[in-house]
C-alpha atoms as a PDB file:
ATOM      1  CA  MET A   1      59.016-102.042 -14.292  1.00  0.00           C
ATOM      2  CA  THR A   2      60.823 -98.739 -14.576  1.00  0.00           C
ATOM      3  CA  GLN A   3      63.738 -97.886 -16.797  1.00  0.00           C
ATOM      4  CA  PRO A   4      66.752 -96.038 -15.372  1.00  0.00           C
ATOM      5  CA  ILE A   5      67.268 -92.435 -16.458  1.00  0.00           C
ATOM      6  CA  GLU A   6      70.818 -91.102 -16.669  1.00  0.00           C
ATOM      7  CA  LEU A   7      71.714 -87.403 -16.507  1.00  0.00           C
ATOM      8  CA  LEU A   8      74.677 -86.486 -18.683  1.00  0.00           C
ATOM      9  CA  VAL A   9      76.335 -83.054 -18.939  1.00  0.00           C
ATOM     10  CA  VAL A  10      78.742 -82.479 -21.835  1.00  0.00           C
ATOM     11  CA  GLU A  11      80.781 -79.567 -23.164  1.00  0.00           C
ATOM     12  CA  PRO A  12      80.448 -79.762 -26.974  1.00  0.00           C
ATOM     13  CA  ALA A  13      82.289 -76.431 -27.362  1.00  0.00           C
ATOM     14  CA  PRO A  14      84.524 -74.595 -24.880  1.00  0.00           C
ATOM     15  CA  GLY A  15      82.367 -72.792 -22.299  1.00  0.00           C
ATOM     16  CA  SER A  16      79.103 -74.261 -23.609  1.00  0.00           C
ATOM     17  CA  PHE A  17      77.476 -76.979 -21.494  1.00  0.00           C
ATOM     18  CA  VAL A  18      74.385 -79.028 -22.313  1.00  0.00           C
ATOM     19  CA  TRP A  19      72.532 -81.731 -20.426  1.00  0.00           C
ATOM     20  CA  ARG A  20      70.739 -84.792 -21.715  1.00  0.00           C
ATOM     21  CA  LEU A  21      68.475 -87.273 -19.997  1.00  0.00           C
ATOM     22  CA  LEU A  22      69.106 -90.748 -21.338  1.00  0.00           C
ATOM     23  CA  LEU A  23      66.610 -93.560 -20.920  1.00  0.00           C
ATOM     24  CA  THR A  24      68.434 -96.886 -20.536  1.00  0.00           C
ATOM     25  CA  ASP A  25      67.576-100.531 -20.141  1.00  0.00           C
ATOM     26  CA  ASP A  26      67.807-102.332 -16.783  1.00  0.00           C
ATOM     27  CA  GLN A  27      71.554-102.847 -17.238  1.00  0.00           C
ATOM     28  CA  GLY A  28      72.224 -99.193 -18.089  1.00  0.00           C
ATOM     29  CA  GLY A  29      72.763 -99.868 -21.791  1.00  0.00           C
ATOM     30  CA  ASN A  30      70.961 -99.092 -25.051  1.00  0.00           C
ATOM     31  CA  ALA A  31      70.587 -95.429 -24.119  1.00  0.00           C
ATOM     32  CA  ARG A  32      68.253 -93.139 -26.035  1.00  0.00           C
ATOM     33  CA  VAL A  33      67.715 -89.424 -25.512  1.00  0.00           C
ATOM     34  CA  LEU A  34      64.603 -88.760 -23.438  1.00  0.00           C
ATOM     35  CA  ARG A  35      65.040 -84.964 -23.071  1.00  0.00           C
ATOM     36  CA  MET A  36      67.810 -82.478 -23.698  1.00  0.00           C
ATOM     37  CA  ALA A  37      68.685 -78.880 -22.908  1.00  0.00           C
ATOM     38  CA  PRO A  38      66.937 -76.419 -25.200  1.00  0.00           C
ATOM     39  CA  ASP A  39      69.921 -74.045 -24.970  1.00  0.00           C
ATOM     40  CA  PRO A  40      73.515 -74.382 -23.752  1.00  0.00           C
ATOM     41  CA  ALA A  41      74.521 -73.104 -20.307  1.00  0.00           C
ATOM     42  CA  ASP A  42      77.601 -71.006 -19.567  1.00  0.00           C
ATOM     43  CA  SER A  43      78.847 -73.305 -16.783  1.00  0.00           C
ATOM     44  CA  TYR A  44      78.840 -76.968 -15.875  1.00  0.00           C
ATOM     45  CA  GLU A  45      77.079 -76.170 -12.598  1.00  0.00           C
ATOM     46  CA  GLU A  46      74.270 -74.289 -14.358  1.00  0.00           C
ATOM     47  CA  ALA A  47      73.747 -77.137 -16.829  1.00  0.00           C
ATOM     48  CA  LEU A  48      73.827 -79.692 -14.013  1.00  0.00           C
ATOM     49  CA  ALA A  49      71.215 -77.797 -11.972  1.00  0.00           C
ATOM     50  CA  SER A  50      68.950 -77.449 -15.001  1.00  0.00           C
ATOM     51  CA  GLY A  51      69.393 -81.113 -15.869  1.00  0.00           C
ATOM     52  CA  GLN A  52      68.605 -82.160 -12.300  1.00  0.00           C
ATOM     53  CA  ALA A  53      65.393 -80.102 -12.404  1.00  0.00           C
ATOM     54  CA  ALA A  54      64.412 -81.859 -15.647  1.00  0.00           C
ATOM     55  CA  LEU A  55      65.259 -85.235 -14.103  1.00  0.00           C
ATOM     56  CA  HIS A  56      63.079 -84.543 -11.058  1.00  0.00           C
ATOM     57  CA  SER A  57      60.274 -83.467 -13.397  1.00  0.00           C
ATOM     58  CA  GLU A  58      60.538 -86.758 -15.291  1.00  0.00           C
ATOM     59  CA  ILE A  59      60.569 -88.741 -12.055  1.00  0.00           C
ATOM     60  CA  ARG A  60      57.415 -86.971 -10.855  1.00  0.00           C
ATOM     61  CA  ARG A  61      55.750 -87.480 -14.237  1.00  0.00           C
ATOM     62  CA  HIS A  62      56.509 -91.209 -14.284  1.00  0.00           C
ATOM     63  CA  ALA A  63      55.520 -91.653 -10.637  1.00  0.00           C
ATOM     64  CA  ALA A  64      52.135 -89.956 -11.066  1.00  0.00           C
ATOM     65  CA  PRO A  65      49.265 -92.440 -10.796  1.00  0.00           C
ATOM     66  CA  ALA A  66      47.435 -93.186 -14.019  1.00  0.00           C
ATOM     67  CA  SER A  67      44.057 -91.459 -14.264  1.00  0.00           C
END
């Protein structure tokens, strides 16, 4: 069974955007931070693109067959 991963982009300070990947249960609740941006981005779009890249990386990592 896999757990859903949610990508969230927030603006904790004006002009400073950070992404977080949240691991949730099957119903989308009980979220915990799986990964987060190491540094803030200057735009929402930049943070979103970086967060999407991290999400795709996590998907590939979890989909890789066990050795």
